[in-house]
Structures are given as structure tokens and as C-alpha cells.
């Protein structure tokens, strides 16, 4: 692989294009160094509680939180939140869009023995189905963006009954796609994608109806492990803290990214930036003789995770390895998808100019491999 050297003038200034953990801006690292005085201090004391309060306020500003909605934080990342939702949000039965790895994982959590069998609309990778109203369903759930495949879904409320909640997995979408929070009851995510932080936290934007549901379930005889208690997370968040010790560095990185995004123009600005980067990649792949967007329907294509298939004459694994040897990293496809493709994050921290340089580098490597 090392015998192919991409000319320096074609290389991105920053070669990190991973889908999570994602590129962290140098300014965030400077803010982390400046915050060293609180690292290693108690998360129950004022300095850290102020940091959590700043994070909650920054999220409220970025997402233009409607009246009555609350920012709730918990430990464990989005993987933990699937179990939190199964324990403390679904009363009887849920309905799901499953169009990739992460949508299917929520289905697995929602198949808990104390719940009725979920209603699932499953479609093959690269496609997206549609949810319909289902009798007896009290939670409608789907990913805003399927990180494994690069398929995105519009955020819209499902269910007209008062007890039907719309719960959206937004881990790779949050902060990179504009939408109306009022179309959801719970919009949850972790900070290692567009927010350029580390994992270990989940953050949920919760409507009054979702908060009421959590307390109603907690008041029943359902056993809920303390770590998975949604009401404990709500109670602690109202005190600007988390139930268990959080990763302070993650909070500092998240706070830094939020301040940058809000100062730059908020969610609309962030969405225009990811759209600029992803549109370039899709246009490049569409015009290329050896590449094509994996997601066929343009309306389903993600603006934050771009998957590109290559002709069978191209060894995409070798292409990714050559890129990695030249400092362009984490372009490999999702491990379980098993396709001859590249997967490229166009999160907010990724510079659109670096995306343009990436395609120039890929063109150079493809020519070199063909030769």
C-alpha cells in the first residue's frame, strides 16, 4: 500500500472522516486544556454542575427547544438509551422503522419480555420504509439517520392518540440535520458524531408528554434497574448533574462544540455545512465511471453519512487502505454491511474543502491502482 503516495497538494488538511468517534477540532482540544482545572474534580460540585448547565442551555439554544421540553442527560450512550426506553418509555408495545444496524438494535431492546412483540417495518440496507398507525402501539420509533448505511428519514410525528409517543434515534443526525423538535417526543443522541466529543453520555430532548409517561411507568410495579431509570436521569438533569459520574472531558468537548455551532449560525448553519460536503460527494460519485451512491433514492440519502459503492473492478478495501497509509482514515464501510464501498462522515466539524480534497485523492489512487 505504501508504494502509492498521494501528492501533498491533493491531501485534505485533516484526514479524519470517521463516523464515530469523529473528528475533534483543535479549538475543542484547546478548550479542554483550558478546562484542566475541573478534570478530576467532583461532578457534584459547582464547577462541573455549571458545565452541565451550560451544555443543557447550549443544546436548548441549538435545537430551538419548544416550551416545556427538557434536556435530559444520562450515562452509557445511545446503546444504553435503547434499554432505558424499553424500561421507562414503552408502556405496552412499540412500532419501529428498521432500515439498518442501529434501528434493529432498538427493536431488540424493545422485544423485552415485559412488553408485547414490537411491530417492525424492515427494509433492506440502502432503503427506507414507512410507518403506519398500529392499534395498541404507544411508542413509534425510528432513526433520524442510519449510521450503518447512510439512509436518512424525515422527522415527523406518528400517532394521533394522546398516549402515542414519537421517539427518534438521532445519534449521527443530531446537530447536522435541521428539523422541528416539536415533531418528536424524545430525540436522543450521543456526542461522538456531529458534536465531536467522546462517547459515554446519552442526551434526550423530551416533551412534557414523554416526561409524564416516564413518571407514570416508574409509578407502576415494573422493575427498572437504577442505571436504566429515566426518572432518575430527569431528576438529576434538573440539578445539572448525571446519575453516575460522567466523563468530564466529554462534557467539555461537547460544550465547546455547542458554543462554536451556536455562534456560527445554529442548526440551520450546521445543516447547510453538512449538505455542502455530502452534496459534493454524491455528485462526484454519480458522475464517476467507477462509483455510485449506495442509497439509490436521492430523497433517502443522508447529509451526514455518505456511502459510495464501487465497481467490481475496484477493490474498495485496498482503496481505503491506501488512503489510510496516506493519513486519510476511517473511510471503511460499516463492518457488518459487507459491501465494496467507502463510508464517509460529513459531520459539522469536517471542512467542506477537505471533502473536496478527499475526492481528488480518491481519483488519484484509483488511477494509480488501475495503472
Protein backbone atom coordinates (compact mmCIF):
# COMPACT_ATOMS: atom_id res chain seq x y z
CA UNK A 1 0.00 0.00 0.00
CA UNK A 2 2.81 2.37 0.89
CA UNK A 3 4.08 2.44 -2.70
CA UNK A 4 1.19 4.77 -3.64
CA UNK A 5 1.92 8.24 -2.29
CA UNK A 6 -0.77 10.85 -2.78
CA UNK A 7 0.75 14.23 -3.67
CA UNK A 8 0.59 16.70 -0.79
CA UNK A 9 -1.38 19.20 -2.83
CA UNK A 10 -4.24 16.68 -3.15
CA UNK A 11 -4.43 15.71 0.51
CA UNK A 12 -7.04 17.13 2.91
CA UNK A 13 -5.70 19.39 5.63
CA UNK A 14 -7.34 16.96 8.08
CA UNK A 15 -7.82 13.35 7.03
CA UNK A 16 -10.33 12.23 9.66
CA UNK A 17 -13.61 11.13 8.05
CA UNK A 18 -14.80 8.55 10.57
CA UNK A 19 -18.44 8.08 11.53
CA UNK A 20 -17.69 8.00 15.24
CA UNK A 21 -15.72 8.73 17.20
CA UNK A 22 -15.42 11.63 14.81
CA UNK A 23 -13.01 14.44 14.10
CA UNK A 24 -12.38 16.70 17.10
CA UNK A 25 -11.47 20.29 16.22
CA UNK A 26 -8.19 21.71 17.52
CA UNK A 27 -10.16 24.54 19.15
CA UNK A 28 -12.01 21.96 21.25
CA UNK A 29 -8.72 20.49 22.41
CA UNK A 30 -7.56 23.96 23.39
CA UNK A 31 -10.76 24.39 25.40
CA UNK A 32 -10.15 21.00 27.00
CA UNK A 33 -6.65 22.05 28.05
CA UNK A 34 -8.03 25.31 29.44
CA UNK A 35 -10.57 23.34 31.48
CA UNK A 36 -7.92 21.14 33.09
CA UNK A 37 -8.71 22.65 36.48
CA UNK A 38 -12.05 20.80 36.64
CA UNK A 39 -10.84 17.46 35.28
CA UNK A 40 -10.53 15.08 38.16
CA UNK A 41 -12.86 17.09 40.41
CA UNK A 42 -16.23 16.16 41.86
CA UNK A 43 -19.15 16.07 39.44
CA UNK A 44 -21.45 17.07 42.32
CA UNK A 45 -19.74 20.41 42.92
CA UNK A 46 -20.47 23.81 41.38
CA UNK A 47 -17.80 23.93 38.60
CA UNK A 48 -18.97 20.72 36.94
CA UNK A 49 -22.63 21.46 37.58
CA UNK A 50 -22.15 24.81 35.81
CA UNK A 51 -20.60 22.94 32.89
CA UNK A 52 -23.58 20.58 32.70
CA UNK A 53 -25.90 23.59 32.91
CA UNK A 54 -24.03 25.26 30.05
CA UNK A 55 -24.34 22.10 27.96
CA UNK A 56 -28.07 21.89 28.61
CA UNK A 57 -28.52 25.58 27.75
CA UNK A 58 -26.43 25.23 24.58
CA UNK A 59 -28.48 22.26 23.43
CA UNK A 60 -31.72 24.11 24.13
CA UNK A 61 -30.49 27.04 22.03
CA UNK A 62 -29.22 24.91 19.15
CA UNK A 63 -32.40 22.88 18.82
CA UNK A 64 -34.76 25.81 19.48
CA UNK A 65 -36.41 23.78 22.22
CA UNK A 66 -40.21 24.29 22.44
CA UNK A 67 -41.84 25.39 25.68
CA UNK A 68 -41.99 22.57 28.21
CA UNK A 69 -39.34 20.38 26.57
CA UNK A 70 -36.35 19.43 28.73
CA UNK A 71 -32.75 18.40 28.05
CA UNK A 72 -32.06 15.17 29.93
CA UNK A 73 -28.61 13.58 30.25
CA UNK A 74 -27.69 10.04 31.24
CA UNK A 75 -24.72 7.70 31.32
CA UNK A 76 -23.97 4.99 28.80
CA UNK A 77 -24.56 6.44 25.34
CA UNK A 78 -27.36 5.66 22.90
CA UNK A 79 -26.86 1.93 23.38
CA UNK A 80 -27.94 2.36 27.00
CA UNK A 81 -30.86 4.56 25.99
CA UNK A 82 -32.47 1.74 23.98
CA UNK A 83 -32.75 -0.19 27.23
CA UNK A 84 -33.80 2.95 29.11
CA UNK A 85 -36.66 3.38 26.63
CA UNK A 86 -37.70 -0.26 26.90
CA UNK A 87 -37.76 0.05 30.68
CA UNK A 88 -39.24 3.50 31.09
CA UNK A 89 -40.94 4.82 27.91
CA UNK A 90 -42.80 1.94 26.26
CA UNK A 91 -45.96 1.08 28.16
CA UNK A 92 -47.12 -1.94 26.15
CA UNK A 93 -45.91 -2.06 22.56
CA UNK A 94 -43.75 -0.12 20.12
CA UNK A 95 -43.58 0.22 16.33
CA UNK A 96 -40.26 0.64 14.54
CA UNK A 97 -38.66 1.51 11.24
CA UNK A 98 -35.72 -0.87 10.86
CA UNK A 99 -33.51 0.07 7.93
CA UNK A 100 -30.07 -0.72 9.30
CA UNK A 101 -27.98 -1.96 12.17
CA UNK A 102 -28.94 0.64 14.76
CA UNK A 103 -32.65 0.62 14.08
CA UNK A 104 -32.59 -3.15 14.55
CA UNK A 105 -30.79 -2.82 17.89
CA UNK A 106 -33.60 -0.71 19.30
CA UNK A 107 -36.04 -3.37 18.09
CA UNK A 108 -34.05 -5.95 20.07
CA UNK A 109 -34.28 -3.86 23.25
CA UNK A 110 -37.99 -3.25 22.69
CA UNK A 111 -38.53 -7.02 22.48
CA UNK A 112 -38.12 -7.22 26.26
CA UNK A 113 -40.23 -9.94 27.94
CA UNK A 114 -42.44 -7.44 29.80
CA UNK A 115 -43.51 -5.82 26.50
CA UNK A 116 -45.65 -7.05 23.65
CA UNK A 117 -43.89 -8.04 20.42
CA UNK A 118 -42.96 -4.85 18.51
CA UNK A 119 -44.44 -4.00 15.15
CA UNK A 120 -41.46 -3.72 12.77
CA UNK A 121 -41.22 -2.37 9.23
CA UNK A 122 -37.94 -3.83 7.97
CA UNK A 123 -36.35 -2.87 4.66
CA UNK A 124 -33.01 -3.91 3.15
CA UNK A 125 -29.90 -1.77 3.61
CA UNK A 126 -29.88 1.35 1.46
CA UNK A 127 -33.67 1.69 1.53
CA UNK A 128 -36.26 3.06 3.94
CA UNK A 129 -39.82 2.05 4.73
CA UNK A 130 -42.80 3.94 6.13
CA UNK A 131 -44.56 3.62 9.47
CA UNK A 132 -48.33 3.45 9.62
CA UNK A 133 -50.63 3.75 12.62
CA UNK A 134 -50.94 0.48 14.52
CA UNK A 135 -53.57 -0.26 17.16
CA UNK A 136 -52.13 -0.77 20.62
CA UNK A 137 -48.83 0.94 19.88
CA UNK A 138 -47.78 3.65 22.36
CA UNK A 139 -44.26 4.40 21.01
CA UNK A 140 -43.30 4.94 17.36
CA UNK A 141 -39.53 4.73 16.95
CA UNK A 142 -37.08 5.18 14.10
CA UNK A 143 -33.59 6.51 13.37
CA UNK A 144 -33.25 10.03 12.01
CA UNK A 145 -30.09 8.80 10.32
CA UNK A 146 -28.94 5.20 9.93
CA UNK A 147 -25.18 5.40 10.51
CA UNK A 148 -24.51 1.97 9.06
CA UNK A 149 -25.98 2.62 5.61
CA UNK A 150 -26.23 6.38 5.06
CA UNK A 151 -30.04 6.43 4.86
CA UNK A 152 -31.91 9.33 6.46
CA UNK A 153 -35.57 9.62 7.47
CA UNK A 154 -37.64 12.79 7.86
CA UNK A 155 -38.55 13.69 11.43
CA UNK A 156 -42.32 13.58 11.74
CA UNK A 157 -44.76 12.64 14.45
CA UNK A 158 -46.57 9.30 14.27
CA UNK A 159 -49.77 8.50 16.04
CA UNK A 160 -52.66 10.78 16.91
CA UNK A 161 -53.72 9.14 20.16
CA UNK A 162 -52.70 11.03 23.31
CA UNK A 163 -50.68 8.07 24.55
CA UNK A 164 -48.58 7.62 21.37
CA UNK A 165 -45.04 8.99 21.63
CA UNK A 166 -42.62 9.58 18.75
CA UNK A 167 -39.09 8.55 19.74
CA UNK A 168 -36.22 9.31 17.35
CA UNK A 169 -32.68 7.91 17.46
CA UNK A 170 -30.57 10.86 16.37
CA UNK A 171 -27.03 9.84 17.28
CA UNK A 172 -25.42 10.55 13.90
CA UNK A 173 -28.01 13.14 12.80
CA UNK A 174 -28.24 15.45 15.81
CA UNK A 175 -26.55 18.75 15.14
CA UNK A 176 -26.10 18.07 11.43
CA UNK A 177 -29.67 17.98 10.07
CA UNK A 178 -32.23 20.72 10.65
CA UNK A 179 -35.70 19.71 11.84
CA UNK A 180 -38.55 20.71 14.16
CA UNK A 181 -38.20 19.22 17.67
CA UNK A 182 -41.96 19.64 18.17
CA UNK A 183 -42.41 16.72 15.74
CA UNK A 184 -40.92 14.40 18.37
CA UNK A 185 -41.46 13.45 21.99
CA UNK A 186 -37.96 12.12 22.53
CA UNK A 187 -35.00 13.00 20.31
CA UNK A 188 -31.95 11.25 21.73
CA UNK A 189 -28.30 11.08 20.76
CA UNK A 190 -24.70 10.68 21.92
CA UNK A 191 -21.98 13.32 21.44
CA UNK A 192 -19.35 11.46 19.38
CA UNK A 193 -20.70 12.37 15.92
CA UNK A 194 -21.62 15.95 14.91
CA UNK A 195 -20.76 17.15 18.40
CA UNK A 196 -17.16 15.93 18.00
CA UNK A 197 -16.88 14.59 21.52
CA UNK A 198 -16.28 11.20 23.07
CA UNK A 199 -18.94 8.64 23.87
CA UNK A 200 -20.39 7.65 27.22
CA UNK A 201 -23.34 10.04 27.51
CA UNK A 202 -26.85 9.98 26.14
CA UNK A 203 -28.80 13.21 25.70
CA UNK A 204 -32.56 13.30 25.17
CA UNK A 205 -34.80 16.20 24.23
CA UNK A 206 -38.04 15.24 25.96
CA UNK A 207 -41.55 16.61 25.55
CA UNK A 208 -43.92 17.09 28.51
CA UNK A 209 -45.84 14.01 27.34
CA UNK A 210 -42.69 11.88 27.36
CA UNK A 211 -41.73 13.10 30.82
CA UNK A 212 -45.24 12.34 32.08
CA UNK A 213 -45.01 8.84 30.56
CA UNK A 214 -41.68 8.17 32.29
CA UNK A 215 -43.07 9.05 35.72
CA UNK A 216 -46.28 7.10 35.09
CA UNK A 217 -44.33 3.92 34.27
CA UNK A 218 -41.99 4.48 37.23
CA UNK A 219 -45.05 4.56 39.50
CA UNK A 220 -46.10 1.04 38.44
CA UNK A 221 -44.68 -2.24 39.78
CA UNK A 222 -42.39 -2.65 36.76
CA UNK A 223 -38.84 -3.38 37.88
CA UNK A 224 -36.44 -0.78 36.47
CA UNK A 225 -32.73 -1.08 37.32
CA UNK A 226 -31.45 2.22 38.77
CA UNK A 227 -28.96 2.66 35.90
CA UNK A 228 -31.84 2.47 33.41
CA UNK A 229 -34.19 4.74 35.36
CA UNK A 230 -35.38 7.54 33.10
CA UNK A 231 -36.96 9.40 36.00
CA UNK A 232 -33.65 9.32 37.88
CA UNK A 233 -31.99 10.85 34.81
CA UNK A 234 -34.67 13.55 34.63
CA UNK A 235 -34.36 14.34 38.33
CA UNK A 236 -30.59 14.58 38.16
CA UNK A 237 -30.60 16.63 34.96
CA UNK A 238 -32.83 19.21 36.63
CA UNK A 239 -29.98 19.55 39.14
CA UNK A 240 -27.42 19.89 36.32
CA UNK A 241 -25.82 16.53 37.01
CA UNK A 242 -25.97 12.90 35.91
CA UNK A 243 -26.96 9.87 37.97
CA UNK A 244 -23.44 8.42 37.86
CA UNK A 245 -20.06 10.03 37.25
CA UNK A 246 -19.85 11.42 33.69
CA UNK A 247 -16.71 11.70 31.55
CA UNK A 248 -15.81 15.32 32.21
CA UNK A 249 -13.69 15.59 29.07
CA UNK A 250 -16.73 14.60 27.00
CA UNK A 251 -18.76 17.39 28.59
CA UNK A 252 -16.01 19.94 27.91
CA UNK A 253 -15.69 18.90 24.24
CA UNK A 254 -19.47 18.97 23.84
CA UNK A 255 -19.75 22.41 25.41
CA UNK A 256 -17.01 23.76 23.13
CA UNK A 257 -18.70 22.37 20.02
CA UNK A 258 -22.09 23.76 21.06
CA UNK A 259 -20.67 27.25 21.57
CA UNK A 260 -19.00 27.12 18.13
CA UNK A 261 -22.15 25.90 16.39
CA UNK A 262 -24.46 28.40 18.07
CA UNK A 263 -22.10 31.30 17.39
CA UNK A 264 -21.78 30.26 13.74
CA UNK A 265 -25.49 30.30 13.00
CA UNK A 266 -27.04 27.39 14.85
CA UNK A 267 -28.69 24.33 13.42
CA UNK A 268 -29.54 25.93 10.07
CA UNK A 269 -25.87 26.83 9.55
CA UNK A 270 -24.72 23.38 10.59
CA UNK A 271 -27.18 21.70 8.21
CA UNK A 272 -26.03 23.85 5.29
CA UNK A 273 -22.43 22.86 6.03
CA UNK A 274 -23.11 19.12 6.07
CA UNK A 275 -25.26 19.47 2.95
CA UNK A 276 -22.41 21.20 1.11
CA UNK A 277 -20.00 18.37 1.92
CA UNK A 278 -22.38 15.49 1.23
CA UNK A 279 -23.73 17.01 -2.00
CA UNK A 280 -20.19 17.21 -3.34
CA UNK A 281 -19.63 13.52 -2.59
CA UNK A 282 -22.93 12.39 -4.11
CA UNK A 283 -22.36 14.49 -7.23
CA UNK A 284 -18.83 13.14 -7.55
CA UNK A 285 -19.98 9.53 -7.21
CA UNK A 286 -22.88 10.00 -9.63
CA UNK A 287 -20.56 11.40 -12.30
CA UNK A 288 -17.78 8.84 -11.78
CA UNK A 289 -17.43 5.84 -14.06
CA UNK A 290 -16.40 3.55 -11.18
CA UNK A 291 -18.54 4.83 -8.29
CA UNK A 292 -22.18 5.30 -7.44
CA UNK A 293 -24.13 6.36 -4.34
CA UNK A 294 -25.17 3.26 -2.41
CA UNK A 295 -28.53 4.84 -1.50
CA UNK A 296 -30.37 4.93 -4.80
CA UNK A 297 -33.22 7.29 -3.90
CA UNK A 298 -31.82 10.84 -3.51
CA UNK A 299 -34.61 11.65 -1.05
CA UNK A 300 -33.30 8.94 1.28
CA UNK A 301 -29.63 9.95 1.16
CA UNK A 302 -28.05 11.14 4.36
CA UNK A 303 -26.34 14.54 4.50
CA UNK A 304 -24.05 13.40 7.33
CA UNK A 305 -23.01 9.83 6.40
CA UNK A 306 -22.25 9.16 2.74
CA UNK A 307 -21.89 5.59 1.44
CA UNK A 308 -20.37 5.08 -2.00
CA UNK A 309 -20.30 1.77 -3.86
CA UNK A 310 -17.51 0.97 -6.30
CA UNK A 311 -17.41 -1.11 -9.45
CA UNK A 312 -16.27 -4.71 -9.01
CA UNK A 313 -13.06 -3.80 -10.83
CA UNK A 314 -12.12 -1.67 -7.80
CA UNK A 315 -11.02 -3.22 -4.52
CA UNK A 316 -12.57 -0.72 -2.10
CA UNK A 317 -10.79 -2.31 0.87
CA UNK A 318 -7.45 -1.73 -0.82
CA UNK A 319 -8.52 1.81 -1.74
CA UNK A 320 -9.32 2.53 1.91
CA UNK A 321 -6.00 1.01 2.99
CA UNK A 322 -4.04 3.24 0.60
CA UNK A 323 -5.95 6.28 1.84
CA UNK A 324 -5.18 5.28 5.44
CA UNK A 325 -1.48 4.88 4.64
CA UNK A 326 -1.58 8.47 3.38
CA UNK A 327 -3.27 9.84 6.51
CA UNK A 328 -6.89 9.73 5.27
CA UNK A 329 -8.53 7.49 7.84
CA UNK A 330 -11.77 5.72 8.74
CA UNK A 331 -13.32 5.60 5.27
CA UNK A 332 -14.00 1.87 5.52
CA UNK A 333 -17.65 0.68 5.25
CA UNK A 334 -19.68 -0.44 8.23
CA UNK A 335 -18.22 -3.78 9.24
CA UNK A 336 -21.46 -5.79 9.04
CA UNK A 337 -22.67 -4.32 5.76
CA UNK A 338 -20.02 -6.19 3.78
CA UNK A 339 -20.12 -4.06 0.65
CA UNK A 340 -17.44 -2.92 -1.78
CA UNK A 341 -17.75 0.68 -0.66
CA UNK A 342 -16.45 3.62 1.33
CA UNK A 343 -18.38 5.27 4.16
CA UNK A 344 -17.52 8.93 4.75
CA UNK A 345 -18.73 11.17 7.56
CA UNK A 346 -19.60 14.73 6.58
CA UNK A 347 -20.25 15.89 10.12
CA UNK A 348 -20.20 19.56 11.05
CA UNK A 349 -16.56 19.53 12.17
CA UNK A 350 -15.41 18.22 8.77
CA UNK A 351 -14.34 21.05 6.49
CA UNK A 352 -16.11 21.03 3.09
CA UNK A 353 -12.77 21.86 1.46
CA UNK A 354 -11.32 18.70 2.98
CA UNK A 355 -14.15 16.70 1.40
CA UNK A 356 -13.27 18.19 -1.98
CA UNK A 357 -9.63 17.24 -1.42
CA UNK A 358 -10.74 13.74 -0.44
CA UNK A 359 -12.33 13.11 -3.83
CA UNK A 360 -9.20 14.41 -5.55
CA UNK A 361 -7.17 11.96 -3.50
CA UNK A 362 -9.53 9.09 -4.33
CA UNK A 363 -9.28 9.91 -8.05
CA UNK A 364 -5.50 9.81 -7.80
CA UNK A 365 -5.49 6.46 -6.01
CA UNK A 366 -7.99 4.90 -8.40
CA UNK A 367 -5.82 5.91 -11.35
CA UNK A 368 -2.73 4.56 -9.64
CA UNK A 369 -4.41 1.25 -8.80
CA UNK A 370 -5.66 0.89 -12.37
CA UNK A 371 -2.16 1.51 -13.69
